């Protein structure tokens, strides 16, 4: 009986681990939180960069995943418009900085700055 109970417990632990795995990223940091905390920021290159080099692995993974998706999308746009990737990246970087919320970090002239906002 003790062996059977141990087997059930093991089954539920393994089952729970596999079932919850897709949910786990939802508990991780999202882009809005990472930007709001000043961990990542937008650059004129069209990609995110770490502002805080000591950022967690979750933040690094999030940034890398988003940058990978951006590069794929930029490549599709460049091919569709028969232009080079660099031109699309540059345009996307300008747009990303323009859309960045006031108070979030942007990299201009190699330096991180808080995007100014309207004063109340």
Protein backbone atom coordinates (compact mmCIF):
# COMPACT_ATOMS: atom_id res chain seq x y z
CA UNK A 1 0.00 0.00 0.00
CA UNK A 2 2.84 2.38 0.82
CA UNK A 3 4.39 1.74 -2.61
CA UNK A 4 1.10 2.47 -4.34
CA UNK A 5 0.71 5.76 -2.47
CA UNK A 6 4.26 6.75 -3.40
CA UNK A 7 3.53 5.94 -7.06
CA UNK A 8 0.38 8.10 -6.98
CA UNK A 9 2.23 10.98 -5.37
CA UNK A 10 4.98 10.72 -7.98
CA UNK A 11 2.38 10.64 -10.76
CA UNK A 12 0.64 13.77 -9.47
CA UNK A 13 3.93 15.61 -9.03
CA UNK A 14 5.04 14.78 -12.57
CA UNK A 15 1.60 15.41 -14.03
CA UNK A 16 1.36 18.75 -12.21
CA UNK A 17 4.79 19.79 -13.43
CA UNK A 18 3.95 19.08 -17.06
CA UNK A 19 0.49 20.61 -16.87
CA UNK A 20 1.67 23.80 -15.23
CA UNK A 21 4.67 24.31 -17.51
CA UNK A 22 2.70 26.23 -20.18
CA UNK A 23 1.38 28.53 -17.46
CA UNK A 24 4.79 29.27 -15.96
CA UNK A 25 5.80 31.99 -18.46
CA UNK A 26 2.66 33.91 -17.51
CA UNK A 27 4.13 34.20 -14.01
CA UNK A 28 7.42 35.46 -15.43
CA UNK A 29 8.05 39.10 -16.19
CA UNK A 30 6.44 40.58 -19.29
CA UNK A 31 7.81 43.35 -21.51
CA UNK A 32 5.71 46.09 -19.93
CA UNK A 33 6.97 45.19 -16.45
CA UNK A 34 10.58 44.95 -17.63
CA UNK A 35 10.35 48.40 -19.22
CA UNK A 36 8.53 49.91 -16.24
CA UNK A 37 11.26 48.61 -13.92
CA UNK A 38 14.00 50.04 -16.14
CA UNK A 39 15.50 46.65 -16.95
CA UNK A 40 15.20 46.90 -20.75
CA UNK A 41 14.76 49.77 -23.15
CA UNK A 42 14.24 50.59 -26.80
CA UNK A 43 17.09 51.52 -29.12
CA UNK A 44 17.38 53.08 -32.55
CA UNK A 45 18.57 49.69 -33.81
CA UNK A 46 14.99 48.43 -33.65
CA UNK A 47 15.81 46.01 -30.86
CA UNK A 48 15.58 45.94 -27.09
CA UNK A 49 18.70 46.09 -24.96
CA UNK A 50 19.34 45.38 -21.32
CA UNK A 51 19.65 48.55 -19.29
CA UNK A 52 20.59 46.64 -16.16
CA UNK A 53 23.38 44.12 -16.86
CA UNK A 54 22.47 42.24 -13.67
CA UNK A 55 18.94 41.56 -14.93
CA UNK A 56 17.61 38.07 -14.26
CA UNK A 57 17.68 35.23 -16.73
CA UNK A 58 13.92 35.65 -17.23
CA UNK A 59 14.44 39.23 -18.38
CA UNK A 60 17.28 38.23 -20.69
CA UNK A 61 15.20 35.39 -22.16
CA UNK A 62 12.24 37.73 -22.67
CA UNK A 63 14.41 40.30 -24.43
CA UNK A 64 16.04 37.68 -26.65
CA UNK A 65 12.69 36.15 -27.59
CA UNK A 66 11.21 39.52 -28.51
CA UNK A 67 14.30 40.55 -30.46
CA UNK A 68 14.26 37.25 -32.35
CA UNK A 69 10.60 37.79 -33.30
CA UNK A 70 11.32 41.37 -34.32
CA UNK A 71 14.23 40.30 -36.52
CA UNK A 72 12.03 37.70 -38.21
CA UNK A 73 9.28 40.27 -38.80
CA UNK A 74 11.74 42.90 -40.04
CA UNK A 75 13.19 40.34 -42.47
CA UNK A 76 9.73 39.57 -43.84
CA UNK A 77 9.02 43.27 -44.34
CA UNK A 78 12.40 43.83 -46.03
CA UNK A 79 11.84 40.93 -48.44
CA UNK A 80 8.29 42.04 -49.22
CA UNK A 81 9.46 45.59 -49.94
CA UNK A 82 12.69 44.50 -51.65
CA UNK A 83 14.85 46.60 -49.35
CA UNK A 84 17.67 45.81 -46.95
CA UNK A 85 17.14 44.68 -43.39
CA UNK A 86 19.11 47.61 -41.95
CA UNK A 87 16.68 50.16 -43.36
CA UNK A 88 13.72 48.35 -41.80
CA UNK A 89 15.50 47.97 -38.46
CA UNK A 90 16.32 51.69 -38.40
CA UNK A 91 12.76 52.71 -39.23
CA UNK A 92 11.37 50.28 -36.64
CA UNK A 93 13.77 51.67 -34.01
CA UNK A 94 12.59 55.21 -34.66
CA UNK A 95 8.96 54.12 -34.40
CA UNK A 96 9.59 52.10 -31.22
CA UNK A 97 11.22 55.08 -29.53
CA UNK A 98 8.40 57.34 -30.64
CA UNK A 99 5.84 54.91 -29.18
CA UNK A 100 7.74 54.38 -25.93
CA UNK A 101 5.81 55.57 -22.90
CA UNK A 102 7.10 58.59 -21.01
CA UNK A 103 9.35 57.50 -18.15
CA UNK A 104 10.52 54.35 -19.90
CA UNK A 105 14.14 54.15 -21.02
CA UNK A 106 15.39 54.79 -24.54
CA UNK A 107 18.97 54.71 -25.78
CA UNK A 108 20.07 57.82 -27.67
CA UNK A 109 23.66 58.65 -28.57
CA UNK A 110 24.80 55.57 -26.67
CA UNK A 111 23.24 56.71 -23.38
CA UNK A 112 20.11 55.58 -21.58
CA UNK A 113 17.59 58.34 -20.94
CA UNK A 114 14.08 58.41 -19.58
CA UNK A 115 11.67 59.42 -22.28
CA UNK A 116 10.24 62.75 -21.24
CA UNK A 117 6.52 63.17 -20.85
CA UNK A 118 4.07 65.97 -20.52
CA UNK A 119 4.14 67.61 -17.11
CA UNK A 120 0.75 67.84 -15.36
